[in-house]
Amino acid sequence: MDGQNYVVFHNDGNDSYMNSTANFKGADVGTTFIDLYFSAVSVASNTGYDKVRLTVTATKEEQALEDVGAAMAGAKNPVMVIADDVNGNYVSDHVTAVSTITLASQVQTRVVEAIATTKSLEASDSGKIFTVDQGSAYSITLPTVAQAGAGWHATFFLIGQASNAVEIIPDATEDTLRGAITSADGSGGPSAETGVDQLIFVSGTAKNGDRVDIVCTGSFFECSGVAHDNDHITLA
C-alpha cells in the first residue's frame, strides 16, 4: 500500500467499498443507522461525498458510532474491514449490516414536492424544488430568516396555471423578500431593493414554467426568477 490505512465494507448484495481513513469526513447518526462520509475519489475534488450506511441496533446508535470511530482511530492493520455482511464480521456488536453504498459519481437529484394548498415551510425544506398549482388561492409561508439561516434555498415552479393567486410570503413579523424577476420577452419585470412581504404568482396571467429561486442570506430572502411576461409574478 502507500502508507495509509484503508477501511472496507462488504454488503450481501455483491457490493463492496474501500477508501482511506484520511478521506473520512464524518458521520451522521439516525434511528437504527449510521451514515459514514468519505471524499469521493471518482469525481472532482469537493463536488460530492461517497456515503456508506450501516444498519445498527435500535437505541445503540451512539455506542456503535463510538465503536466505529475507535476502530478507525486505532487501526493497526493497513486494511480494516468495518462491516462484512458476507461473513457476519463487524467492528461493533451493535452494527448489523451494510445497508447501502452510495457513490458521489452517481446521479444526484433534488427532492421535488407538490404544493396545491396552504403550506408553511420549515428549515428542513431547504434544497427542495416545489411545484405550485393555482387550482385554488392560498399562501406558502417561509420560515423566519433566523429559522432558515444563511444558505437556506428553494425553487418554485408554476405547473398548474389557473385563475387563482398563489402567494409566497415571509413570516408575518418580517418584510424580508427582495430581488428581481426577469421577463423572458424582455419587457422588464418586478423588483424590490428593500424588504417586502409578498411574492405572487398572479391570478389568470401566470403561466406554467414561471419560476422563482429563493435564497436566505441570514437577513433577507433573496428572490431571483423568470416569467414568460412581466405581469405573471409580482414582488411588493
Protein backbone atom coordinates (compact mmCIF):
# COMPACT_ATOMS: atom_id res chain seq x y z
CA MET A 1 0.00 0.00 0.00
CA ASP A 2 1.02 3.69 0.18
CA GLY A 3 1.35 4.00 3.96
CA GLN A 4 -2.29 4.93 4.52
CA ASN A 5 -4.92 2.95 6.42
CA TYR A 6 -7.91 1.72 4.47
CA VAL A 7 -11.42 0.71 5.51
CA VAL A 8 -13.53 -1.86 3.70
CA PHE A 9 -17.28 -2.50 3.64
CA HIS A 10 -18.97 -5.58 2.14
CA ASN A 11 -22.72 -5.95 1.92
CA ASP A 12 -24.57 -9.10 0.96
CA GLY A 13 -25.57 -7.79 -2.45
CA ASN A 14 -22.18 -8.29 -4.13
CA ASP A 15 -21.32 -4.66 -3.49
CA SER A 16 -18.17 -3.54 -1.68
CA TYR A 17 -16.46 -0.24 -0.96
CA MET A 18 -12.96 0.81 0.16
CA ASN A 19 -11.49 4.21 0.95
CA SER A 20 -8.71 5.59 3.11
CA THR A 21 -9.24 6.79 6.68
CA ALA A 22 -7.60 10.04 5.52
CA ASN A 23 -10.64 10.60 3.29
CA PHE A 24 -13.12 10.06 6.13
CA LYS A 25 -15.10 13.30 6.58
CA GLY A 26 -17.56 12.49 9.34
CA ALA A 27 -20.65 10.54 10.29
CA ASP A 28 -24.31 11.17 10.92
CA VAL A 29 -26.47 9.03 13.21
CA GLY A 30 -30.18 8.36 12.78
CA THR A 31 -32.64 5.81 14.09
CA THR A 32 -31.02 2.38 13.52
CA PHE A 33 -28.40 3.68 11.07
CA ILE A 34 -25.06 5.44 10.78
CA ASP A 35 -24.05 7.30 7.60
CA LEU A 36 -20.27 7.45 7.03
CA TYR A 37 -18.97 10.04 4.54
CA PHE A 38 -15.74 9.88 2.56
CA SER A 39 -14.23 12.22 -0.02
CA ALA A 40 -15.16 10.80 -3.39
CA VAL A 41 -12.26 9.59 -5.48
CA SER A 42 -14.21 9.26 -8.73
CA VAL A 43 -15.33 12.90 -9.08
CA ALA A 44 -13.62 16.27 -8.91
CA SER A 45 -12.49 17.47 -5.50
CA ASN A 46 -15.20 18.89 -3.22
CA THR A 47 -18.04 18.06 -5.61
CA GLY A 48 -19.50 15.26 -3.54
CA TYR A 49 -19.04 12.60 -0.93
CA ASP A 50 -19.41 8.85 -1.02
CA LYS A 51 -21.76 7.54 1.68
CA VAL A 52 -21.87 4.16 3.36
CA ARG A 53 -24.94 3.48 5.52
CA LEU A 54 -24.59 0.94 8.31
CA THR A 55 -27.62 -0.65 9.94
CA VAL A 56 -27.26 -0.64 13.72
CA THR A 57 -29.17 -1.90 16.73
CA ALA A 58 -32.01 0.35 17.91
CA THR A 59 -31.04 2.51 20.93
CA LYS A 60 -27.37 1.57 20.42
CA GLU A 61 -26.63 4.07 17.64
CA GLU A 62 -24.29 6.25 19.71
CA GLN A 63 -22.31 3.29 21.02
CA ALA A 64 -21.99 1.85 17.54
CA LEU A 65 -20.72 5.21 16.26
CA GLU A 66 -18.11 5.33 19.01
CA ASP A 67 -17.04 1.76 18.22
CA VAL A 68 -16.58 2.57 14.53
CA GLY A 69 -14.65 5.74 15.36
CA ALA A 70 -12.38 3.93 17.79
CA ALA A 71 -11.73 1.17 15.27
CA MET A 72 -10.65 3.66 12.60
CA ALA A 73 -8.60 5.77 15.01
CA GLY A 74 -6.78 2.74 16.40
CA ALA A 75 -6.30 0.84 13.16
CA LYS A 76 -3.25 -1.41 13.40
CA ASN A 77 -3.71 -3.07 10.01
CA PRO A 78 -3.36 -1.18 6.71
CA VAL A 79 -6.75 -2.58 5.64
CA MET A 80 -9.58 -2.82 8.17
CA VAL A 81 -12.93 -4.45 7.47
CA ILE A 82 -15.53 -2.26 9.19
CA ALA A 83 -18.56 -4.31 8.18
CA ASP A 84 -18.78 -7.60 6.29
CA ASP A 85 -22.29 -8.92 5.65
CA VAL A 86 -20.99 -11.95 3.79
CA ASN A 87 -19.09 -13.33 6.77
CA GLY A 88 -21.00 -11.54 9.51
CA ASN A 89 -17.99 -9.62 10.83
CA TYR A 90 -18.41 -6.10 12.29
CA VAL A 91 -16.19 -3.82 14.37
CA SER A 92 -19.12 -3.19 16.73
CA ASP A 93 -21.53 -5.65 18.28
CA HIS A 94 -24.24 -3.10 17.50
CA VAL A 95 -23.59 -2.87 13.74
CA THR A 96 -25.71 -5.46 11.96
CA ALA A 97 -25.40 -4.74 8.23
CA VAL A 98 -24.13 -2.55 5.41
CA SER A 99 -27.42 -1.04 4.29
CA THR A 100 -26.36 0.94 1.20
CA ILE A 101 -23.28 2.24 -0.57
CA THR A 102 -23.90 5.50 -2.47
CA LEU A 103 -21.19 6.97 -4.69
CA ALA A 104 -20.99 10.68 -5.39
CA SER A 105 -20.41 9.94 -9.09
CA GLN A 106 -23.95 8.62 -9.32
CA VAL A 107 -26.78 10.92 -10.39
CA GLN A 108 -27.71 13.27 -7.56
CA THR A 109 -31.28 14.60 -7.59
CA ARG A 110 -33.18 17.21 -5.60
CA VAL A 111 -36.38 16.49 -3.73
CA VAL A 112 -39.49 17.64 -5.62
CA GLU A 113 -42.64 18.37 -3.61
CA ALA A 114 -46.02 19.45 -4.98
CA ILE A 115 -47.93 22.29 -3.30
CA ALA A 116 -51.63 22.84 -4.03
CA THR A 117 -52.85 24.31 -0.74
CA THR A 118 -51.71 26.46 2.19
CA LYS A 119 -48.31 25.38 3.46
CA SER A 120 -45.74 26.60 5.99
CA LEU A 121 -42.16 25.73 5.09
CA GLU A 122 -39.54 24.64 7.62
CA ALA A 123 -35.77 24.89 7.84
CA SER A 124 -35.68 21.22 6.79
CA ASP A 125 -37.28 22.12 3.43
CA SER A 126 -34.04 23.71 2.24
CA GLY A 127 -32.90 22.45 -1.15
CA LYS A 128 -36.31 21.34 -2.37
CA ILE A 129 -37.99 22.11 -5.66
CA PHE A 130 -41.66 22.95 -5.12
CA THR A 131 -44.24 22.70 -7.88
CA VAL A 132 -47.08 25.19 -7.49
CA ASP A 133 -50.68 24.63 -8.58
CA GLN A 134 -53.12 27.56 -8.93
CA GLY A 135 -56.19 25.35 -8.62
CA SER A 136 -57.08 27.37 -5.50
CA ALA A 137 -55.91 30.58 -3.85
CA TYR A 138 -53.51 30.05 -0.93
CA SER A 139 -50.26 31.17 0.72
CA ILE A 140 -46.88 29.47 1.09
CA THR A 141 -45.16 30.82 4.20
CA LEU A 142 -41.39 30.79 4.51
CA PRO A 143 -39.64 30.15 7.83
CA THR A 144 -38.22 33.21 9.58
CA VAL A 145 -34.75 34.18 8.41
CA ALA A 146 -33.42 33.09 11.81
CA GLN A 147 -35.04 29.67 11.47
CA ALA A 148 -33.90 29.26 7.88
CA GLY A 149 -30.36 30.51 8.37
CA ALA A 150 -27.88 31.61 5.74
CA GLY A 151 -27.82 29.17 2.84
CA TRP A 152 -31.43 28.01 3.03
CA HIS A 153 -32.73 27.80 -0.53
CA ALA A 154 -35.72 26.57 -2.51
CA THR A 155 -37.09 26.76 -6.06
CA PHE A 156 -40.74 27.25 -7.02
CA PHE A 157 -42.13 26.29 -10.45
CA LEU A 158 -45.69 27.02 -11.56
CA ILE A 159 -47.01 23.86 -13.22
CA GLY A 160 -50.78 24.26 -12.76
CA GLN A 161 -51.83 27.65 -14.13
CA ALA A 162 -55.35 28.81 -13.30
CA SER A 163 -57.30 31.88 -12.21
CA ASN A 164 -56.18 31.89 -8.56
CA ALA A 165 -53.35 33.82 -6.92
CA VAL A 166 -50.70 31.88 -5.01
CA GLU A 167 -48.59 33.91 -2.58
CA ILE A 168 -45.13 33.19 -1.25
CA ILE A 169 -44.78 35.22 1.94
CA PRO A 170 -42.32 35.54 4.81
CA ASP A 171 -43.33 35.14 8.44
CA ALA A 172 -45.94 37.73 9.44
CA THR A 173 -43.36 39.51 11.62
CA GLU A 174 -40.95 40.11 8.73
CA ASP A 175 -40.61 42.02 5.45
CA THR A 176 -37.68 40.03 4.13
CA LEU A 177 -38.31 39.36 0.42
CA ARG A 178 -36.24 41.29 -2.08
CA GLY A 179 -34.79 40.74 -5.54
CA ALA A 180 -35.97 40.83 -9.13
CA ILE A 181 -37.99 38.80 -11.63
CA THR A 182 -36.88 38.83 -15.27
CA SER A 183 -39.33 38.69 -18.13
CA ALA A 184 -38.49 36.22 -20.89
CA ASP A 185 -39.97 38.55 -23.51
CA GLY A 186 -37.60 41.37 -22.48
CA SER A 187 -40.35 43.67 -21.24
CA GLY A 188 -38.94 44.06 -17.75
CA GLY A 189 -40.31 42.66 -14.52
CA PRO A 190 -40.95 43.41 -10.85
CA SER A 191 -38.15 44.15 -8.42
CA ALA A 192 -37.72 45.13 -4.78
CA GLU A 193 -34.49 46.63 -3.47
CA THR A 194 -35.72 46.69 0.13
CA GLY A 195 -37.58 44.00 2.02
CA VAL A 196 -41.22 43.34 1.10
CA ASP A 197 -43.73 40.77 2.29
CA GLN A 198 -45.33 39.28 -0.80
CA LEU A 199 -44.38 37.44 -3.98
CA ILE A 200 -47.40 36.37 -6.04
CA PHE A 201 -47.99 34.05 -8.97
CA VAL A 202 -50.70 36.29 -10.39
CA SER A 203 -54.25 35.03 -10.91
CA GLY A 204 -55.13 34.45 -14.56
CA THR A 205 -51.83 35.68 -16.01
CA ALA A 206 -49.07 33.49 -14.57
CA LYS A 207 -48.15 30.62 -16.86
CA ASN A 208 -46.69 27.16 -16.45
CA GLY A 209 -42.91 27.35 -16.25
CA ASP A 210 -42.77 30.66 -14.37
CA ARG A 211 -40.03 30.15 -11.78
CA VAL A 212 -38.61 31.73 -8.62
CA ASP A 213 -35.43 30.80 -6.74
CA ILE A 214 -35.23 31.97 -3.12
CA VAL A 215 -32.03 32.00 -1.06
CA CYS A 216 -31.72 33.13 2.56
CA THR A 217 -28.69 35.26 3.45
CA GLY A 218 -29.47 35.26 7.17
CA SER A 219 -31.03 38.72 6.87
CA PHE A 220 -33.19 38.55 3.75
CA PHE A 221 -34.74 36.05 1.35
CA GLU A 222 -33.21 37.00 -1.98
CA CYS A 223 -35.55 36.22 -4.89
CA SER A 224 -34.46 35.66 -8.47
CA GLY A 225 -36.82 34.41 -11.12
CA VAL A 226 -38.02 34.37 -14.68
CA ALA A 227 -41.54 34.58 -16.09
CA HIS A 228 -42.96 34.43 -19.60
CA ASP A 229 -44.24 38.02 -19.29
CA ASN A 230 -43.78 40.90 -16.85
CA ASP A 231 -47.24 40.63 -15.30
CA HIS A 232 -47.03 36.96 -14.28
CA ILE A 233 -45.28 37.47 -10.93
CA THR A 234 -45.42 40.42 -8.55
CA LEU A 235 -42.96 41.30 -5.78
CA ALA A 236 -44.18 44.00 -3.44
